[in-house]
Amino acid sequence: MVYQINGLKDIHKLLVNERKIGGVIEAKTLRLRTGEVYKNTVITHIDLLGSSIYSIGFVTEDSENIIVNITELGLLQEPEYKRICELNNQAYKSTKTKTKIKYLKRLLDINKDSLNKIFLEEAKMIIEDIGLTVAKKELNISHIYPKNKVYSIA
C-alpha cells in the first residue's frame, strides 16, 4: 500500500488515521534550520492550530523524541508511508512493535470467544503492520489465520 505524500497536511491525515490504516511516516532525512541532520526519522505528531501547522514531533534513530516549531524545519526529504516491519529506524520499530503486540494481546484476550468481522479486520491490520513472523513468535494467531478451511458441499 503506497500513499503519495505531498505535504505536512497529508502526513497529519495519515497520523490521525493510524489506527484504521496502521503504519507510520518515515523520512529519509530531516534537517533543521540550525543545520542538524537526522536520518530515518519517524514523524510522530503534527500540531495544528485551526488549519495552521505550528509544530512537528519526530523520533530519531537514537530514540530521541524531538518536537520543533515548524519554522525550524529546513528539509523533510522523501517522507514515506511504511508498515512498522518495513522501517529503517530500528529504535522506533522496536518500540512501536512492542506497543502493537501489547495492544494485539489485549484485543485477542477481550475477543477470544467472539471472532466478529470488525475484530478480525483490526487484528489482521495490526499483524500486517508488525509482520506475520513477529506476530507468530509472540502470539497464537491460528484462529485469525486458520490453516485448513474445510468446506462441505451438500
N, C-alpha and C. Protein backbone atom coordinates (compact mmCIF):
# COMPACT_ATOMS: atom_id res chain seq x y z
N MET A 1 0.85 -1.17 0.00
CA MET A 1 0.00 0.00 0.00
C MET A 1 0.90 1.23 0.00
N VAL A 2 0.82 2.04 -1.04
CA VAL A 2 1.65 3.22 -1.15
C VAL A 2 0.76 4.46 -1.17
N TYR A 3 1.11 5.41 -0.35
CA TYR A 3 0.40 6.67 -0.31
C TYR A 3 1.34 7.77 -0.79
N GLN A 4 0.88 8.59 -1.70
CA GLN A 4 1.66 9.74 -2.16
C GLN A 4 1.57 10.81 -1.08
N ILE A 5 2.71 11.27 -0.61
CA ILE A 5 2.74 12.30 0.42
C ILE A 5 3.20 13.59 -0.22
N ASN A 6 2.31 14.57 -0.26
CA ASN A 6 2.61 15.83 -0.93
C ASN A 6 2.86 16.98 0.03
N GLY A 7 2.66 16.77 1.31
CA GLY A 7 2.89 17.85 2.26
C GLY A 7 2.59 17.43 3.69
N LEU A 8 2.76 18.37 4.59
CA LEU A 8 2.57 18.09 6.01
C LEU A 8 1.11 17.77 6.35
N LYS A 9 0.18 18.35 5.59
CA LYS A 9 -1.24 18.04 5.85
C LYS A 9 -1.54 16.59 5.50
N ASP A 10 -0.89 16.04 4.46
CA ASP A 10 -1.05 14.62 4.13
C ASP A 10 -0.49 13.76 5.26
N ILE A 11 0.65 14.14 5.78
CA ILE A 11 1.26 13.40 6.90
C ILE A 11 0.33 13.44 8.10
N HIS A 12 -0.23 14.61 8.39
CA HIS A 12 -1.16 14.75 9.51
C HIS A 12 -2.36 13.84 9.33
N LYS A 13 -2.89 13.78 8.13
CA LYS A 13 -4.06 12.94 7.86
C LYS A 13 -3.74 11.46 8.09
N LEU A 14 -2.55 11.02 7.65
CA LEU A 14 -2.15 9.64 7.88
C LEU A 14 -1.95 9.35 9.37
N LEU A 15 -1.38 10.30 10.10
CA LEU A 15 -1.17 10.11 11.54
C LEU A 15 -2.49 10.03 12.29
N VAL A 16 -3.44 10.86 11.91
CA VAL A 16 -4.76 10.86 12.57
C VAL A 16 -5.48 9.53 12.33
N ASN A 17 -5.29 8.95 11.16
CA ASN A 17 -5.97 7.70 10.81
C ASN A 17 -5.10 6.46 11.05
N GLU A 18 -4.09 6.58 11.88
CA GLU A 18 -3.15 5.48 12.13
C GLU A 18 -3.84 4.22 12.63
N ARG A 19 -4.83 4.35 13.46
CA ARG A 19 -5.50 3.16 14.00
C ARG A 19 -6.26 2.41 12.90
N LYS A 20 -6.78 3.13 11.93
CA LYS A 20 -7.55 2.50 10.86
C LYS A 20 -6.65 1.87 9.80
N ILE A 21 -5.52 2.50 9.50
CA ILE A 21 -4.68 2.03 8.40
C ILE A 21 -3.34 1.47 8.84
N GLY A 22 -2.93 1.73 10.08
CA GLY A 22 -1.64 1.26 10.55
C GLY A 22 -0.50 2.04 9.92
N GLY A 23 0.71 1.56 10.12
CA GLY A 23 1.88 2.18 9.52
C GLY A 23 2.29 3.48 10.16
N VAL A 24 3.41 4.01 9.66
CA VAL A 24 3.96 5.27 10.14
C VAL A 24 4.57 6.03 8.97
N ILE A 25 5.00 7.26 9.24
CA ILE A 25 5.67 8.08 8.24
C ILE A 25 7.15 8.16 8.61
N GLU A 26 8.00 7.71 7.69
CA GLU A 26 9.44 7.78 7.90
C GLU A 26 10.05 8.65 6.80
N ALA A 27 10.89 9.59 7.22
CA ALA A 27 11.59 10.46 6.27
C ALA A 27 13.04 10.01 6.17
N LYS A 28 13.54 10.00 4.94
CA LYS A 28 14.94 9.60 4.73
C LYS A 28 15.87 10.54 5.47
N THR A 29 15.62 11.85 5.35
CA THR A 29 16.43 12.86 6.02
C THR A 29 15.54 13.98 6.52
N LEU A 30 15.81 14.44 7.72
CA LEU A 30 15.15 15.62 8.26
C LEU A 30 16.25 16.57 8.71
N ARG A 31 16.23 17.77 8.17
CA ARG A 31 17.24 18.77 8.53
C ARG A 31 16.55 19.98 9.12
N LEU A 32 17.10 20.46 10.22
CA LEU A 32 16.59 21.66 10.86
C LEU A 32 17.32 22.88 10.30
N ARG A 33 16.75 24.04 10.50
CA ARG A 33 17.39 25.27 10.02
C ARG A 33 18.72 25.53 10.70
N THR A 34 18.91 24.97 11.87
CA THR A 34 20.18 25.15 12.59
C THR A 34 21.29 24.29 12.01
N GLY A 35 20.94 23.40 11.07
CA GLY A 35 21.94 22.56 10.42
C GLY A 35 21.98 21.13 10.91
N GLU A 36 21.26 20.81 11.97
CA GLU A 36 21.23 19.44 12.47
C GLU A 36 20.51 18.55 11.46
N VAL A 37 21.11 17.39 11.19
CA VAL A 37 20.55 16.46 10.22
C VAL A 37 20.26 15.13 10.92
N TYR A 38 19.06 14.60 10.69
CA TYR A 38 18.64 13.33 11.27
C TYR A 38 18.23 12.40 10.14
N LYS A 39 18.77 11.19 10.14
CA LYS A 39 18.44 10.17 9.14
C LYS A 39 17.33 9.27 9.67
N ASN A 40 16.50 8.79 8.77
CA ASN A 40 15.44 7.82 9.08
C ASN A 40 14.59 8.25 10.28
N THR A 41 14.12 9.47 10.25
CA THR A 41 13.26 9.95 11.33
C THR A 41 11.83 9.52 11.10
N VAL A 42 11.15 9.21 12.17
CA VAL A 42 9.74 8.84 12.10
C VAL A 42 8.93 10.00 12.63
N ILE A 43 8.04 10.51 11.80
CA ILE A 43 7.17 11.63 12.20
C ILE A 43 6.07 11.05 13.09
N THR A 44 5.99 11.56 14.31
CA THR A 44 5.02 11.01 15.26
C THR A 44 3.83 11.93 15.52
N HIS A 45 4.02 13.23 15.28
CA HIS A 45 2.94 14.16 15.59
C HIS A 45 3.08 15.46 14.81
N ILE A 46 1.96 15.99 14.39
CA ILE A 46 1.91 17.32 13.79
C ILE A 46 0.81 18.08 14.51
N ASP A 47 1.16 19.23 15.08
CA ASP A 47 0.20 20.02 15.82
C ASP A 47 -0.38 21.12 14.94
N LEU A 48 -1.69 21.24 15.03
CA LEU A 48 -2.41 22.25 14.27
C LEU A 48 -3.09 23.23 15.21
N LEU A 49 -3.17 24.47 14.77
CA LEU A 49 -3.98 25.49 15.42
C LEU A 49 -4.90 26.01 14.34
N GLY A 50 -6.14 25.54 14.37
CA GLY A 50 -7.03 25.81 13.26
C GLY A 50 -6.56 24.98 12.08
N SER A 51 -6.21 25.65 11.00
CA SER A 51 -5.67 24.93 9.85
C SER A 51 -4.19 25.19 9.66
N SER A 52 -3.56 25.87 10.63
CA SER A 52 -2.13 26.19 10.54
C SER A 52 -1.30 25.22 11.36
N ILE A 53 -0.27 24.67 10.74
CA ILE A 53 0.64 23.76 11.42
C ILE A 53 1.66 24.60 12.20
N TYR A 54 1.85 24.28 13.48
CA TYR A 54 2.80 25.07 14.26
C TYR A 54 3.95 24.26 14.86
N SER A 55 3.82 22.92 14.93
CA SER A 55 4.95 22.13 15.41
C SER A 55 4.89 20.72 14.84
N ILE A 56 6.05 20.08 14.86
CA ILE A 56 6.17 18.73 14.35
C ILE A 56 7.00 17.93 15.34
N GLY A 57 6.56 16.70 15.62
CA GLY A 57 7.29 15.81 16.52
C GLY A 57 7.84 14.63 15.76
N PHE A 58 9.04 14.21 16.10
CA PHE A 58 9.65 13.07 15.42
C PHE A 58 10.58 12.32 16.36
N VAL A 59 10.90 11.08 15.97
CA VAL A 59 11.80 10.23 16.73
C VAL A 59 13.00 9.90 15.85
N THR A 60 14.18 10.09 16.40
CA THR A 60 15.43 9.83 15.67
C THR A 60 15.84 8.37 15.80
N GLU A 61 16.91 7.99 15.10
CA GLU A 61 17.44 6.64 15.20
C GLU A 61 18.03 6.35 16.58
N ASP A 62 18.34 7.40 17.34
CA ASP A 62 18.87 7.24 18.70
C ASP A 62 17.78 7.28 19.76
N SER A 63 16.53 7.12 19.36
CA SER A 63 15.35 7.15 20.24
C SER A 63 15.10 8.51 20.87
N GLU A 64 15.64 9.57 20.30
CA GLU A 64 15.35 10.91 20.80
C GLU A 64 13.99 11.34 20.29
N ASN A 65 13.15 11.79 21.19
CA ASN A 65 11.85 12.30 20.83
C ASN A 65 11.96 13.82 20.79
N ILE A 66 11.86 14.40 19.60
CA ILE A 66 12.09 15.83 19.41
C ILE A 66 10.83 16.49 18.87
N ILE A 67 10.52 17.64 19.43
CA ILE A 67 9.41 18.47 18.95
C ILE A 67 9.99 19.83 18.60
N VAL A 68 9.74 20.28 17.37
CA VAL A 68 10.26 21.57 16.93
C VAL A 68 9.14 22.42 16.36
N ASN A 69 9.34 23.73 16.47
CA ASN A 69 8.43 24.66 15.82
C ASN A 69 8.58 24.49 14.32
N ILE A 70 7.51 24.60 13.60
CA ILE A 70 7.52 24.35 12.16
C ILE A 70 8.48 25.29 11.43
N THR A 71 8.73 26.47 11.99
CA THR A 71 9.66 27.40 11.35
C THR A 71 11.10 26.91 11.43
N GLU A 72 11.39 25.95 12.33
CA GLU A 72 12.74 25.40 12.46
C GLU A 72 13.02 24.26 11.48
N LEU A 73 11.97 23.78 10.80
CA LEU A 73 12.14 22.69 9.86
C LEU A 73 12.72 23.22 8.56
N GLY A 74 13.89 22.69 8.17
CA GLY A 74 14.55 23.14 6.95
C GLY A 74 14.27 22.23 5.77
N LEU A 75 14.29 20.90 5.99
CA LEU A 75 14.13 19.94 4.91
C LEU A 75 13.52 18.66 5.45
N LEU A 76 12.58 18.14 4.73
CA LEU A 76 11.99 16.84 5.02
C LEU A 76 12.07 16.04 3.72
N GLN A 77 13.13 15.23 3.61
CA GLN A 77 13.41 14.55 2.36
C GLN A 77 12.78 13.16 2.31
N GLU A 78 12.07 12.89 1.24
CA GLU A 78 11.44 11.60 0.96
C GLU A 78 10.62 11.03 2.11
N PRO A 79 9.60 11.74 2.56
CA PRO A 79 8.72 11.13 3.56
C PRO A 79 7.91 10.02 2.91
N GLU A 80 7.86 8.87 3.56
CA GLU A 80 7.14 7.72 3.03
C GLU A 80 6.26 7.09 4.09
N TYR A 81 5.11 6.61 3.64
CA TYR A 81 4.26 5.80 4.50
C TYR A 81 4.81 4.39 4.46
N LYS A 82 5.06 3.81 5.62
CA LYS A 82 5.61 2.45 5.71
C LYS A 82 4.90 1.67 6.80
N ARG A 83 4.86 0.36 6.61
CA ARG A 83 4.43 -0.52 7.69
C ARG A 83 5.56 -0.55 8.72
N ILE A 84 5.23 -0.88 9.95
CA ILE A 84 6.23 -0.92 11.01
C ILE A 84 7.35 -1.91 10.68
N CYS A 85 6.99 -3.03 10.10
CA CYS A 85 8.00 -4.05 9.78
C CYS A 85 8.96 -3.60 8.67
N GLU A 86 8.66 -2.52 7.95
CA GLU A 86 9.50 -2.01 6.86
C GLU A 86 10.40 -0.85 7.28
N LEU A 87 10.31 -0.41 8.52
CA LEU A 87 11.05 0.76 8.96
C LEU A 87 12.57 0.56 8.96
N ASN A 88 13.29 1.63 8.66
CA ASN A 88 14.75 1.64 8.78
C ASN A 88 15.18 2.11 10.17
N ASN A 89 14.35 2.89 10.83
CA ASN A 89 14.61 3.39 12.17
C ASN A 89 14.35 2.25 13.16
N GLN A 90 15.40 1.52 13.52
CA GLN A 90 15.27 0.32 14.36
C GLN A 90 14.79 0.63 15.78
N ALA A 91 15.17 1.76 16.31
CA ALA A 91 14.75 2.13 17.67
C ALA A 91 13.24 2.29 17.73
N TYR A 92 12.69 3.04 16.79
CA TYR A 92 11.24 3.26 16.79
C TYR A 92 10.52 1.97 16.42
N LYS A 93 11.09 1.21 15.49
CA LYS A 93 10.49 -0.06 15.07
C LYS A 93 10.31 -0.98 16.26
N SER A 94 11.34 -1.09 17.09
CA SER A 94 11.29 -1.95 18.27
C SER A 94 10.22 -1.49 19.26
N THR A 95 10.22 -0.21 19.55
CA THR A 95 9.26 0.36 20.50
C THR A 95 7.83 0.20 20.01
N LYS A 96 7.59 0.56 18.76
CA LYS A 96 6.24 0.52 18.21
C LYS A 96 5.75 -0.93 18.07
N THR A 97 6.65 -1.85 17.74
CA THR A 97 6.27 -3.27 17.63
C THR A 97 5.83 -3.80 18.99
N LYS A 98 6.57 -3.47 20.04
CA LYS A 98 6.19 -3.90 21.39
C LYS A 98 4.83 -3.34 21.78
N THR A 99 4.59 -2.08 21.47
CA THR A 99 3.31 -1.45 21.77
C THR A 99 2.16 -2.13 21.04
N LYS A 100 2.37 -2.41 19.75
CA LYS A 100 1.33 -3.05 18.94
C LYS A 100 1.07 -4.49 19.41
N ILE A 101 2.11 -5.20 19.81
CA ILE A 101 1.94 -6.57 20.30
C ILE A 101 1.14 -6.55 21.60
N LYS A 102 1.46 -5.63 22.48
CA LYS A 102 0.72 -5.50 23.74
C LYS A 102 -0.76 -5.21 23.46
N TYR A 103 -1.03 -4.29 22.52
CA TYR A 103 -2.40 -3.96 22.16
C TYR A 103 -3.10 -5.18 21.54
N LEU A 104 -2.40 -5.89 20.65
CA LEU A 104 -2.98 -7.06 20.00
C LEU A 104 -3.29 -8.17 21.00
N LYS A 105 -2.40 -8.37 21.98
CA LYS A 105 -2.66 -9.37 23.02
C LYS A 105 -3.94 -9.04 23.77
N ARG A 106 -4.08 -7.77 24.11
CA ARG A 106 -5.29 -7.33 24.83
C ARG A 106 -6.53 -7.51 23.96
N LEU A 107 -6.41 -7.17 22.69
CA LEU A 107 -7.51 -7.32 21.74
C LEU A 107 -7.92 -8.79 21.60
N LEU A 108 -6.93 -9.66 21.50
CA LEU A 108 -7.21 -11.11 21.40
C LEU A 108 -7.85 -11.64 22.68
N ASP A 109 -7.38 -11.15 23.83
CA ASP A 109 -7.93 -11.59 25.10
C ASP A 109 -9.39 -11.18 25.25
N ILE A 110 -9.69 -9.95 24.88
CA ILE A 110 -11.06 -9.46 25.00
C ILE A 110 -12.01 -10.18 24.05
N ASN A 111 -11.53 -10.51 22.85
CA ASN A 111 -12.38 -11.10 21.82
C ASN A 111 -12.15 -12.59 21.61
N LYS A 112 -11.61 -13.29 22.62
CA LYS A 112 -11.28 -14.70 22.44
C LYS A 112 -12.49 -15.58 22.15
N ASP A 113 -13.65 -15.20 22.62
CA ASP A 113 -14.85 -16.01 22.40
C ASP A 113 -15.68 -15.55 21.21
N SER A 114 -15.32 -14.42 20.64
CA SER A 114 -16.13 -13.86 19.56
C SER A 114 -15.23 -13.41 18.42
N LEU A 115 -15.29 -14.09 17.32
CA LEU A 115 -14.48 -13.73 16.16
C LEU A 115 -15.34 -12.95 15.16
N ASN A 116 -15.75 -11.75 15.57
CA ASN A 116 -16.58 -10.95 14.68
C ASN A 116 -15.73 -10.26 13.61
N LYS A 117 -16.38 -9.78 12.58
CA LYS A 117 -15.71 -9.22 11.41
C LYS A 117 -14.83 -8.01 11.77
N ILE A 118 -15.33 -7.13 12.61
CA ILE A 118 -14.59 -5.92 12.99
C ILE A 118 -13.30 -6.28 13.72
N PHE A 119 -13.39 -7.23 14.67
CA PHE A 119 -12.22 -7.70 15.39
C PHE A 119 -11.19 -8.31 14.44
N LEU A 120 -11.64 -9.18 13.54
CA LEU A 120 -10.73 -9.84 12.60
C LEU A 120 -10.03 -8.84 11.70
N GLU A 121 -10.76 -7.84 11.21
CA GLU A 121 -10.16 -6.82 10.35
C GLU A 121 -9.07 -6.04 11.10
N GLU A 122 -9.36 -5.64 12.34
CA GLU A 122 -8.37 -4.88 13.11
C GLU A 122 -7.16 -5.75 13.46
N ALA A 123 -7.40 -6.99 13.86
CA ALA A 123 -6.30 -7.88 14.20
C ALA A 123 -5.41 -8.15 12.98
N LYS A 124 -6.01 -8.38 11.82
CA LYS A 124 -5.23 -8.63 10.61
C LYS A 124 -4.42 -7.40 10.21
N MET A 125 -5.00 -6.22 10.38
CA MET A 125 -4.29 -4.98 10.05
C MET A 125 -3.07 -4.82 10.95
N ILE A 126 -3.22 -5.10 12.23
CA ILE A 126 -2.09 -4.98 13.16
C ILE A 126 -1.02 -6.02 12.82
N ILE A 127 -1.43 -7.23 12.52
CA ILE A 127 -0.47 -8.29 12.18
C ILE A 127 0.29 -7.94 10.90
N GLU A 128 -0.40 -7.42 9.90
CA GLU A 128 0.27 -7.00 8.67
C GLU A 128 1.24 -5.85 8.94
N ASP A 129 0.87 -4.99 9.88
CA ASP A 129 1.70 -3.83 10.22
C ASP A 129 3.01 -4.25 10.88
N ILE A 130 2.95 -5.15 11.84
CA ILE A 130 4.16 -5.57 12.56
C ILE A 130 4.89 -6.70 11.85
N GLY A 131 4.21 -7.40 10.97
CA GLY A 131 4.82 -8.52 10.26
C GLY A 131 4.31 -9.84 10.81
N LEU A 132 3.98 -10.75 9.92
CA LEU A 132 3.42 -12.03 10.31
C LEU A 132 4.40 -12.86 11.13
N THR A 133 5.68 -12.84 10.78
CA THR A 133 6.66 -13.65 11.52
C THR A 133 6.81 -13.16 12.97
N VAL A 134 6.80 -11.85 13.17
CA VAL A 134 6.90 -11.29 14.53
C VAL A 134 5.66 -11.66 15.33
N ALA A 135 4.49 -11.57 14.71
CA ALA A 135 3.25 -11.90 15.40
C ALA A 135 3.21 -13.37 15.79
N LYS A 136 3.67 -14.24 14.90
CA LYS A 136 3.68 -15.68 15.20
C LYS A 136 4.61 -16.02 16.36
N LYS A 137 5.72 -15.29 16.47
CA LYS A 137 6.66 -15.53 17.58
C LYS A 137 6.03 -15.19 18.92
N GLU A 138 5.24 -14.13 18.95
CA GLU A 138 4.72 -13.60 20.20
C GLU A 138 3.33 -14.13 20.58
N LEU A 139 2.52 -14.50 19.58
CA LEU A 139 1.12 -14.82 19.85
C LEU A 139 0.67 -16.06 19.10
N ASN A 140 -0.41 -16.63 19.57
CA ASN A 140 -1.07 -17.70 18.83
C ASN A 140 -2.15 -17.05 17.98
N ILE A 141 -1.88 -16.99 16.68
CA ILE A 141 -2.82 -16.33 15.77
C ILE A 141 -3.50 -17.33 14.84
N SER A 142 -3.53 -18.59 15.24
CA SER A 142 -4.10 -19.63 14.39
C SER A 142 -5.59 -19.44 14.14
N HIS A 143 -6.31 -18.85 15.07
CA HIS A 143 -7.75 -18.64 14.86
C HIS A 143 -8.03 -17.42 13.98
N ILE A 144 -7.02 -16.57 13.78
CA ILE A 144 -7.18 -15.42 12.89
C ILE A 144 -6.85 -15.83 11.45
N TYR A 145 -5.81 -16.63 11.31
CA TYR A 145 -5.40 -17.17 10.01
C TYR A 145 -5.46 -18.69 10.06
N PRO A 146 -6.66 -19.26 9.96
CA PRO A 146 -6.75 -20.72 10.03
C PRO A 146 -6.05 -21.37 8.83
N LYS A 147 -5.31 -22.47 9.10
CA LYS A 147 -4.55 -23.14 8.04
C LYS A 147 -5.47 -23.94 7.11
N ASN A 148 -6.33 -24.71 7.69
CA ASN A 148 -7.20 -25.58 6.88
C ASN A 148 -8.64 -25.11 6.97
N LYS A 149 -9.14 -24.69 5.86
CA LYS A 149 -10.56 -24.35 5.81
C LYS A 149 -11.27 -25.50 5.10
N VAL A 150 -12.15 -26.15 5.80
CA VAL A 150 -12.87 -27.29 5.24
C VAL A 150 -14.25 -26.81 4.83
N TYR A 151 -14.56 -27.05 3.56
CA TYR A 151 -15.86 -26.66 3.05
C TYR A 151 -16.64 -27.92 2.71
N SER A 152 -17.90 -27.90 3.03
CA SER A 152 -18.76 -29.02 2.76
C SER A 152 -19.72 -28.65 1.63
N ILE A 153 -19.76 -29.50 0.63
CA ILE A 153 -20.70 -29.28 -0.47
C ILE A 153 -21.76 -30.34 -0.35
N ALA A 154 -22.97 -29.89 -0.09
CA ALA A 154 -24.04 -30.85 0.16
C ALA A 154 -24.87 -31.11 -1.06
